[in-house]
C-alpha atoms as a PDB file:
ATOM      1  CA  MET A   1       0.183   3.167   6.157  1.00  0.00           C
ATOM      2  CA  SER A   2       0.717   4.292   2.528  1.00  0.00           C
ATOM      3  CA  ASN A   3      -2.160   5.990   0.918  1.00  0.00           C
ATOM      4  CA  THR A   4      -3.363   4.905  -2.757  1.00  0.00           C
ATOM      5  CA  ILE A   5      -0.948   7.049  -4.956  1.00  0.00           C
ATOM      6  CA  ALA A   6       1.835   6.585  -2.517  1.00  0.00           C
ATOM      7  CA  HIS A   7       1.190   2.794  -3.176  1.00  0.00           C
ATOM      8  CA  LEU A   8       1.329   3.317  -7.126  1.00  0.00           C
ATOM      9  CA  ALA A   9       4.378   5.477  -6.869  1.00  0.00           C
ATOM     10  CA  VAL A  10       6.345   2.567  -5.285  1.00  0.00           C
ATOM     11  CA  ALA A  11       4.982   0.024  -7.433  1.00  0.00           C
ATOM     12  CA  ARG A  12       5.943   1.866 -10.710  1.00  0.00           C
ATOM     13  CA  GLU A  13       9.723   2.699  -9.374  1.00  0.00           C
ATOM     14  CA  LEU A  14       9.958  -0.939  -8.429  1.00  0.00           C
ATOM     15  CA  LEU A  15       8.775  -2.164 -12.339  1.00  0.00           C
ATOM     16  CA  LYS A  16      11.612   0.555 -13.183  1.00  0.00           C
ATOM     17  CA  LYS A  17      14.306  -1.039 -10.977  1.00  0.00           C
ATOM     18  CA  CYS A  18      13.202  -4.580 -11.963  1.00  0.00           C
ATOM     19  CA  PRO A  19      11.645  -4.362 -15.629  1.00  0.00           C
ATOM     20  CA  ASN A  20      11.058  -8.415 -15.598  1.00  0.00           C
ATOM     21  CA  LEU A  21       9.558  -8.638 -12.489  1.00  0.00           C
ATOM     22  CA  ILE A  22       5.743  -8.822 -14.082  1.00  0.00           C
ATOM     23  CA  HIS A  23       4.337  -8.951 -17.680  1.00  0.00           C
ATOM     24  CA  ASN A  24       0.955  -8.159 -17.161  1.00  0.00           C
ATOM     25  CA  GLU A  25       1.462  -4.089 -15.832  1.00  0.00           C
ATOM     26  CA  ARG A  26      -2.670  -3.723 -15.270  1.00  0.00           C
ATOM     27  CA  ALA A  27      -2.939  -7.098 -13.241  1.00  0.00           C
ATOM     28  CA  TYR A  28       0.320  -5.808 -11.465  1.00  0.00           C
ATOM     29  CA  TYR A  29      -0.875  -2.184 -10.539  1.00  0.00           C
ATOM     30  CA  LEU A  30      -4.530  -3.464  -9.793  1.00  0.00           C
ATOM     31  CA  GLY A  31      -2.880  -5.917  -7.145  1.00  0.00           C
ATOM     32  CA  THR A  32      -1.059  -3.355  -5.662  1.00  0.00           C
ATOM     33  CA  LEU A  33      -4.302  -1.045  -5.195  1.00  0.00           C
ATOM     34  CA  ALA A  34      -6.045  -4.513  -3.933  1.00  0.00           C
ATOM     35  CA  PRO A  35      -5.638  -4.725  -0.315  1.00  0.00           C
ATOM     36  CA  ASP A  36      -6.831  -1.629   0.738  1.00  0.00           C
ATOM     37  CA  THR A  37     -10.389  -2.110  -1.485  1.00  0.00           C
ATOM     38  CA  ILE A  38     -11.332  -4.356   1.334  1.00  0.00           C
ATOM     39  CA  GLY A  39     -13.158  -0.823   2.539  1.00  0.00           C
ATOM     40  CA  GLY A  40     -15.199  -1.434  -0.376  1.00  0.00           C
ATOM     41  CA  LYS A  41     -16.745  -4.684   1.279  1.00  0.00           C
ATOM     42  CA  PRO A  42     -20.078  -4.364   2.865  1.00  0.00           C
ATOM     43  CA  ASP A  43     -20.179  -3.825   6.382  1.00  0.00           C
ATOM     44  CA  CYS A  44     -16.399  -4.130   6.289  1.00  0.00           C
ATOM     45  CA  LYS A  45     -14.593  -4.506   9.983  1.00  0.00           C
ATOM     46  CA  ARG A  46     -11.539  -3.768  11.207  1.00  0.00           C
ATOM     47  CA  GLU A  47     -10.925  -7.569  11.720  1.00  0.00           C
ATOM     48  CA  ASP A  48     -11.470  -7.566   7.698  1.00  0.00           C
ATOM     49  CA  LYS A  49      -8.698  -4.773   6.790  1.00  0.00           C
ATOM     50  CA  LYS A  50      -6.180  -6.677   9.392  1.00  0.00           C
ATOM     51  CA  ARG A  51      -6.735 -10.121   7.920  1.00  0.00           C
ATOM     52  CA  VAL A  52      -6.110  -9.106   4.272  1.00  0.00           C
ATOM     53  CA  HIS A  53      -2.916  -7.103   5.164  1.00  0.00           C
ATOM     54  CA  LEU A  54      -1.983  -9.997   7.139  1.00  0.00           C
ATOM     55  CA  ARG A  55      -1.962  -7.822  10.434  1.00  0.00           C
ATOM     56  CA  GLU A  56      -4.293 -10.134  12.338  1.00  0.00           C
ATOM     57  CA  ASP A  57      -3.246  -9.645  15.997  1.00  0.00           C
ATOM     58  CA  ILE A  58      -0.606  -7.342  15.116  1.00  0.00           C
ATOM     59  CA  PRO A  59      -1.040  -3.757  16.449  1.00  0.00           C
ATOM     60  CA  ASP A  60       0.501  -0.837  14.899  1.00  0.00           C
ATOM     61  CA  THR A  61       1.918   0.104  17.895  1.00  0.00           C
ATOM     62  CA  LYS A  62       3.935  -3.023  18.265  1.00  0.00           C
ATOM     63  CA  TRP A  63       4.339  -4.110  14.701  1.00  0.00           C
ATOM     64  CA  LEU A  64       8.085  -3.198  15.037  1.00  0.00           C
ATOM     65  CA  GLU A  65       8.763  -5.691  18.169  1.00  0.00           C
ATOM     66  CA  PRO A  66      10.927  -8.567  16.846  1.00  0.00           C
ATOM     67  CA  GLU A  67       8.467 -11.111  17.513  1.00  0.00           C
ATOM     68  CA  LEU A  68       5.446  -9.698  15.547  1.00  0.00           C
ATOM     69  CA  MET A  69       7.580  -8.589  12.741  1.00  0.00           C
ATOM     70  CA  ALA A  70       8.859 -12.366  12.554  1.00  0.00           C
ATOM     71  CA  ILE A  71       5.139 -13.269  12.360  1.00  0.00           C
ATOM     72  CA  PHE A  72       4.452 -11.334   9.865  1.00  0.00           C
ATOM     73  CA  ALA A  73       7.456 -12.318   7.634  1.00  0.00           C
ATOM     74  CA  GLU A  74       6.114 -15.757   8.017  1.00  0.00           C
ATOM     75  CA  ARG A  75       2.838 -14.830   6.770  1.00  0.00           C
ATOM     76  CA  VAL A  76       4.765 -12.915   3.602  1.00  0.00           C
ATOM     77  CA  ASN A  77       6.699 -16.401   2.949  1.00  0.00           C
ATOM     78  CA  ALA A  78       3.525 -18.366   3.224  1.00  0.00           C
ATOM     79  CA  PHE A  79       1.434 -15.664   0.805  1.00  0.00           C
ATOM     80  CA  ALA A  80       4.173 -15.716  -1.335  1.00  0.00           C
ATOM     81  CA  GLN A  81       4.728 -19.650  -1.717  1.00  0.00           C
ATOM     82  CA  GLU A  82       1.121 -20.210  -2.220  1.00  0.00           C
ATOM     83  CA  ASN A  83      -0.155 -17.052  -4.077  1.00  0.00           C
ATOM     84  CA  ILE A  84       2.852 -16.490  -6.542  1.00  0.00           C
ATOM     85  CA  VAL A  85       5.486 -19.198  -6.426  1.00  0.00           C
ATOM     86  CA  ASN A  86       2.451 -21.877  -7.104  1.00  0.00           C
ATOM     87  CA  GLU A  87       0.235 -19.663  -9.010  1.00  0.00           C
ATOM     88  CA  SER A  88       0.267 -21.253 -12.355  1.00  0.00           C
ATOM     89  CA  ASP A  89      -2.154 -18.389 -14.310  1.00  0.00           C
ATOM     90  CA  ALA A  90       0.640 -15.573 -15.418  1.00  0.00           C
ATOM     91  CA  ASP A  91      -1.833 -12.713 -15.177  1.00  0.00           C
ATOM     92  CA  GLN A  92      -3.289 -13.622 -11.284  1.00  0.00           C
ATOM     93  CA  ARG A  93       0.610 -14.482 -10.447  1.00  0.00           C
ATOM     94  CA  ASP A  94       1.388 -10.628 -11.308  1.00  0.00           C
ATOM     95  CA  PHE A  95      -2.040  -9.302  -9.582  1.00  0.00           C
ATOM     96  CA  ASN A  96      -0.461 -11.209  -6.536  1.00  0.00           C
ATOM     97  CA  ILE A  97       2.798  -9.644  -6.957  1.00  0.00           C
ATOM     98  CA  GLY A  98       1.563  -6.197  -6.699  1.00  0.00           C
ATOM     99  CA  TYR A  99      -0.714  -7.553  -4.024  1.00  0.00           C
ATOM    100  CA  LEU A 100       2.487  -8.705  -2.142  1.00  0.00           C
ATOM    101  CA  VAL A 101       4.231  -5.243  -3.182  1.00  0.00           C
ATOM    102  CA  HIS A 102       1.400  -3.312  -1.179  1.00  0.00           C
ATOM    103  CA  LEU A 103       1.697  -5.249   1.783  1.00  0.00           C
ATOM    104  CA  LEU A 104       5.432  -4.729   2.103  1.00  0.00           C
ATOM    105  CA  THR A 105       5.371  -1.272   1.007  1.00  0.00           C
ATOM    106  CA  ASP A 106       3.208  -0.970   4.298  1.00  0.00           C
ATOM    107  CA  LYS A 107       5.868  -2.396   6.409  1.00  0.00           C
ATOM    108  CA  TYR A 108       8.373   0.201   5.296  1.00  0.00           C
ATOM    109  CA  ASN A 109       5.756   2.836   5.691  1.00  0.00           C
ATOM    110  CA  HIS A 110       5.564   1.997   9.129  1.00  0.00           C
ATOM    111  CA  GLU A 111       9.417   1.725   9.618  1.00  0.00           C
ATOM    112  CA  THR A 112       9.923   5.206   8.520  1.00  0.00           C
ATOM    113  CA  ILE A 113       6.897   7.626   7.636  1.00  0.00           C
ATOM    114  CA  ARG A 114       5.058   6.603  10.543  1.00  0.00           C
ATOM    115  CA  GLN A 115       7.857   6.977  12.870  1.00  0.00           C
ATOM    116  CA  LYS A 116       9.300  10.081  11.934  1.00  0.00           C
ATOM    117  CA  LEU A 117       5.527  11.374  12.123  1.00  0.00           C
ATOM    118  CA  LEU A 118       5.313   9.892  15.772  1.00  0.00           C
ATOM    119  CA  LYS A 119       8.347  11.936  16.361  1.00  0.00           C
ATOM    120  CA  LYS A 120       7.404  15.124  15.227  1.00  0.00           C
ATOM    121  CA  THR A 121       3.790  14.793  16.720  1.00  0.00           C
ATOM    122  CA  ILE A 122       5.346  13.742  20.321  1.00  0.00           C
ATOM    123  CA  GLU A 123       8.082  16.543  20.027  1.00  0.00           C
ATOM    124  CA  ARG A 124       5.352  19.363  19.435  1.00  0.00           C
ATOM    125  CA  GLY A 125       3.105  17.728  22.273  1.00  0.00           C
ATOM    126  CA  VAL A 126      -0.078  17.408  19.702  1.00  0.00           C
ATOM    127  CA  VAL A 127      -0.765  13.939  19.918  1.00  0.00           C
ATOM    128  CA  SER A 128      -2.756  12.759  23.464  1.00  0.00           C
ATOM    129  CA  SER A 129      -4.336   9.533  22.145  1.00  0.00           C
ATOM    130  CA  VAL A 130      -3.808   6.533  19.590  1.00  0.00           C
ATOM    131  CA  ARG A 131      -7.150   7.625  17.660  1.00  0.00           C
ATOM    132  CA  GLU A 132      -6.088  11.488  17.493  1.00  0.00           C
ATOM    133  CA  PHE A 133      -2.584   9.886  16.145  1.00  0.00           C
ATOM    134  CA  TYR A 134      -4.359   8.267  13.560  1.00  0.00           C
ATOM    135  CA  HIS A 135      -5.995  10.953  12.369  1.00  0.00           C
ATOM    136  CA  THR A 136      -2.840  12.932  12.204  1.00  0.00           C
ATOM    137  CA  CYS A 137      -1.115  10.137   9.902  1.00  0.00           C
ATOM    138  CA  VAL A 138      -4.594  10.370   7.679  1.00  0.00           C
ATOM    139  CA  HIS A 139      -3.884  13.996   7.232  1.00  0.00           C
ATOM    140  CA  ASP A 140      -0.392  14.142   6.166  1.00  0.00           C
ATOM    141  CA  LEU A 141      -0.598  10.817   3.996  1.00  0.00           C
ATOM    142  CA  GLU A 142      -3.259  12.356   2.185  1.00  0.00           C
ATOM    143  CA  ALA A 143      -1.189  15.638   1.630  1.00  0.00           C
ATOM    144  CA  LEU A 144       1.823  13.042   0.367  1.00  0.00           C
ATOM    145  CA  ASP A 145      -0.529  11.699  -2.327  1.00  0.00           C
ATOM    146  CA  SER A 146      -1.602  15.225  -3.137  1.00  0.00           C
ATOM    147  CA  TYR A 147       1.937  16.034  -3.542  1.00  0.00           C
ATOM    148  CA  LEU A 148       2.681  13.173  -5.587  1.00  0.00           C
ATOM    149  CA  LEU A 149      -0.144  13.646  -7.935  1.00  0.00           C
ATOM    150  CA  GLU A 150       1.113  17.638  -8.752  1.00  0.00           C
ATOM    151  CA  SER A 151       4.660  16.681  -8.748  1.00  0.00           C
ATOM    152  CA  TYR A 152       4.179  13.346 -10.939  1.00  0.00           C
ATOM    153  CA  PRO A 153       1.592  13.908 -13.656  1.00  0.00           C
ATOM    154  CA  LYS A 154       2.098  10.324 -15.025  1.00  0.00           C
ATOM    155  CA  LEU A 155       1.023   8.847 -11.790  1.00  0.00           C
ATOM    156  CA  GLY A 156      -2.103  10.520 -12.113  1.00  0.00           C
ATOM    157  CA  ASP A 157      -2.489   9.454 -15.480  1.00  0.00           C
ATOM    158  CA  LEU A 158      -2.000   5.600 -14.336  1.00  0.00           C
ATOM    159  CA  PHE A 159      -4.328   6.067 -11.703  1.00  0.00           C
ATOM    160  CA  SER A 160      -7.074   7.129 -13.892  1.00  0.00           C
ATOM    161  CA  GLU A 161      -6.411   4.520 -16.374  1.00  0.00           C
ATOM    162  CA  LEU A 162      -6.517   1.894 -13.786  1.00  0.00           C
ATOM    163  CA  ILE A 163      -9.920   2.870 -12.444  1.00  0.00           C
ATOM    164  CA  SER A 164     -11.542   3.797 -15.737  1.00  0.00           C
ATOM    165  CA  LYS A 165     -11.702   0.523 -17.217  1.00  0.00           C
ATOM    166  CA  GLU A 166     -13.814  -2.868 -15.976  1.00  0.00           C
ATOM    167  CA  VAL A 167     -12.284  -4.399 -13.095  1.00  0.00           C
ATOM    168  CA  ASP A 168     -10.910  -7.549 -14.693  1.00  0.00           C
ATOM    169  CA  TYR A 169      -8.650  -9.068 -11.734  1.00  0.00           C
ATOM    170  CA  CYS A 170      -9.170  -9.919  -8.141  1.00  0.00           C
ATOM    171  CA  LEU A 171      -7.907 -12.450  -5.059  1.00  0.00           C
ATOM    172  CA  PRO A 172     -10.930 -14.737  -4.400  1.00  0.00           C
ATOM    173  CA  GLY A 173     -11.451 -15.034  -0.871  1.00  0.00           C
ATOM    174  CA  TRP A 174      -9.360 -12.018  -0.287  1.00  0.00           C
ATOM    175  CA  ILE A 175     -10.501  -9.124  -2.467  1.00  0.00           C
ATOM    176  CA  GLU A 176     -13.392  -9.955  -4.617  1.00  0.00           C
ATOM    177  CA  LYS A 177     -14.334  -7.603  -7.506  1.00  0.00           C
ATOM    178  CA  GLN A 178     -16.988  -5.871  -6.283  1.00  0.00           C
ATOM    179  CA  TYR A 179     -15.122  -4.540  -3.553  1.00  0.00           C
ATOM    180  CA  MET A 180     -12.713  -2.946  -5.899  1.00  0.00           C
ATOM    181  CA  LYS A 181     -15.502  -1.460  -7.836  1.00  0.00           C
ATOM    182  CA  ASN A 182     -17.329   0.125  -4.999  1.00  0.00           C
ATOM    183  CA  SER A 183     -13.772   1.756  -4.020  1.00  0.00           C
ATOM    184  CA  ILE A 184     -13.134   2.760  -7.365  1.00  0.00           C
ATOM    185  CA  CYS A 185     -16.472   4.952  -7.056  1.00  0.00           C
ATOM    186  CA  TRP A 186     -15.157   6.428  -3.602  1.00  0.00           C
ATOM    187  CA  TRP A 187     -11.879   7.126  -4.800  1.00  0.00           C
ATOM    188  CA  ASN A 188     -13.352   9.171  -7.760  1.00  0.00           C
ATOM    189  CA  ASN A 189     -16.522  10.982  -5.659  1.00  0.00           C
ATOM    190  CA  HIS A 190     -14.586  11.319  -2.196  1.00  0.00           C
ATOM    191  CA  TYR A 191     -10.741  10.565  -2.052  1.00  0.00           C
ATOM    192  CA  LEU A 192      -9.459  12.661  -4.810  1.00  0.00           C
ATOM    193  CA  PRO A 193     -11.510  15.603  -4.511  1.00  0.00           C
ATOM    194  CA  GLY A 194     -10.990  15.686  -0.831  1.00  0.00           C
ATOM    195  CA  ILE A 195      -7.319  15.274  -0.996  1.00  0.00           C
ATOM    196  CA  LYS A 196      -6.769  18.393  -3.594  1.00  0.00           C
ATOM    197  CA  GLU A 197      -6.194  21.151  -0.782  1.00  0.00           C
ATOM    198  CA  GLN A 198      -4.435  18.896   2.052  1.00  0.00           C
ATOM    199  CA  GLU A 199      -1.062  20.664   3.385  1.00  0.00           C
ATOM    200  CA  LEU A 200       1.540  18.845   4.982  1.00  0.00           C
ATOM    201  CA  LEU A 201       1.438  19.389   8.766  1.00  0.00           C
ATOM    202  CA  TYR A 202       4.532  17.727  10.185  1.00  0.00           C
ATOM    203  CA  LEU A 203       6.010  15.448   7.077  1.00  0.00           C
ATOM    204  CA  ALA A 204       8.263  17.320   4.121  1.00  0.00           C
ATOM    205  CA  THR A 205       8.046  16.098   0.807  1.00  0.00           C
ATOM    206  CA  GLU A 206      11.592  14.931   1.088  1.00  0.00           C
ATOM    207  CA  ASP A 207      10.476  12.261   3.817  1.00  0.00           C
ATOM    208  CA  MET A 208       8.224  10.918   0.641  1.00  0.00           C
ATOM    209  CA  GLU A 209      11.084  10.967  -1.882  1.00  0.00           C
ATOM    210  CA  GLU A 210      13.034   8.932   0.428  1.00  0.00           C
ATOM    211  CA  PHE A 211      10.617   6.718   1.454  1.00  0.00           C
ATOM    212  CA  ILE A 212       9.819   5.546  -2.094  1.00  0.00           C
ATOM    213  CA  THR A 213      13.800   4.871  -2.875  1.00  0.00           C
ATOM    214  CA  TYR A 214      14.214   3.335   0.368  1.00  0.00           C
ATOM    215  CA  SER A 215      10.957   0.918  -0.149  1.00  0.00           C
ATOM    216  CA  VAL A 216      11.790  -0.306  -3.342  1.00  0.00           C
ATOM    217  CA  SER A 217      15.162  -1.276  -2.549  1.00  0.00           C
ATOM    218  CA  LYS A 218      14.103  -3.320   0.394  1.00  0.00           C
ATOM    219  CA  ILE A 219      11.236  -4.927  -1.661  1.00  0.00           C
ATOM    220  CA  ALA A 220      13.398  -5.639  -4.364  1.00  0.00           C
ATOM    221  CA  GLU A 221      15.360  -7.672  -2.007  1.00  0.00           C
ATOM    222  CA  GLU A 222      12.431  -9.433  -0.387  1.00  0.00           C
ATOM    223  CA  LEU A 223      10.989 -10.159  -3.212  1.00  0.00           C
ATOM    224  CA  TYR A 224      13.940 -11.780  -4.535  1.00  0.00           C
ATOM    225  CA  GLU A 225      14.116 -13.921  -1.132  1.00  0.00           C
ATOM    226  CA  THR A 226      11.034 -15.403  -0.526  1.00  0.00           C
ATOM    227  CA  CYS A 227      10.025 -16.051  -4.237  1.00  0.00           C
ATOM    228  CA  GLY A 228      13.173 -15.745  -6.451  1.00  0.00           C
ATOM    229  CA  LEU A 229      11.788 -12.743  -8.162  1.00  0.00           C
ATOM    230  CA  LYS A 230      14.006 -10.099  -9.558  1.00  0.00           C
END
């Protein structure tokens, strides 16, 4: 799935394409980061991550199968109806829109970046297990985040601003404020320092640029279809 800075990059470009999408940019961008902050939950389990990403019983290796993609689409529609269409608080609604943008970004990453990486690693005979492929994904996705921070300083500025202030939004029952606070500590102390020296092994920077353009277009379409946003 996409990593932290890539999620922000997609969310930022989506806002350029759809400037009337939201009113509260901070709430929106925090929502965009929110699903992965489930890792800040004490004793977080894989089942927790799956639940908040609407991916329960949908394994990575089979997500593109039509029946499983249909299940995910149903969950997306239900989430949008409850948390966006029926949400009366404007700020919370913008947070929830960002949250949904994250989930859809993961889907399009799975369709594109992950498939390219899988093909290249198989061609080179370097992946012998699902676990090994996972670590390969982590490495190149971190390297792509490093590329984005170096190439687009405003993304780094946006991220720094988001995590420098008190967490003022969350999605109760899904992502609590404390999870986000814990994740901010991890981003500052571990993630950002750790990706600085990462270099791409299989993907190219062009893959990220293509992914951002493609996913922004597809997400804009989905937001219009699921909740009339444009």
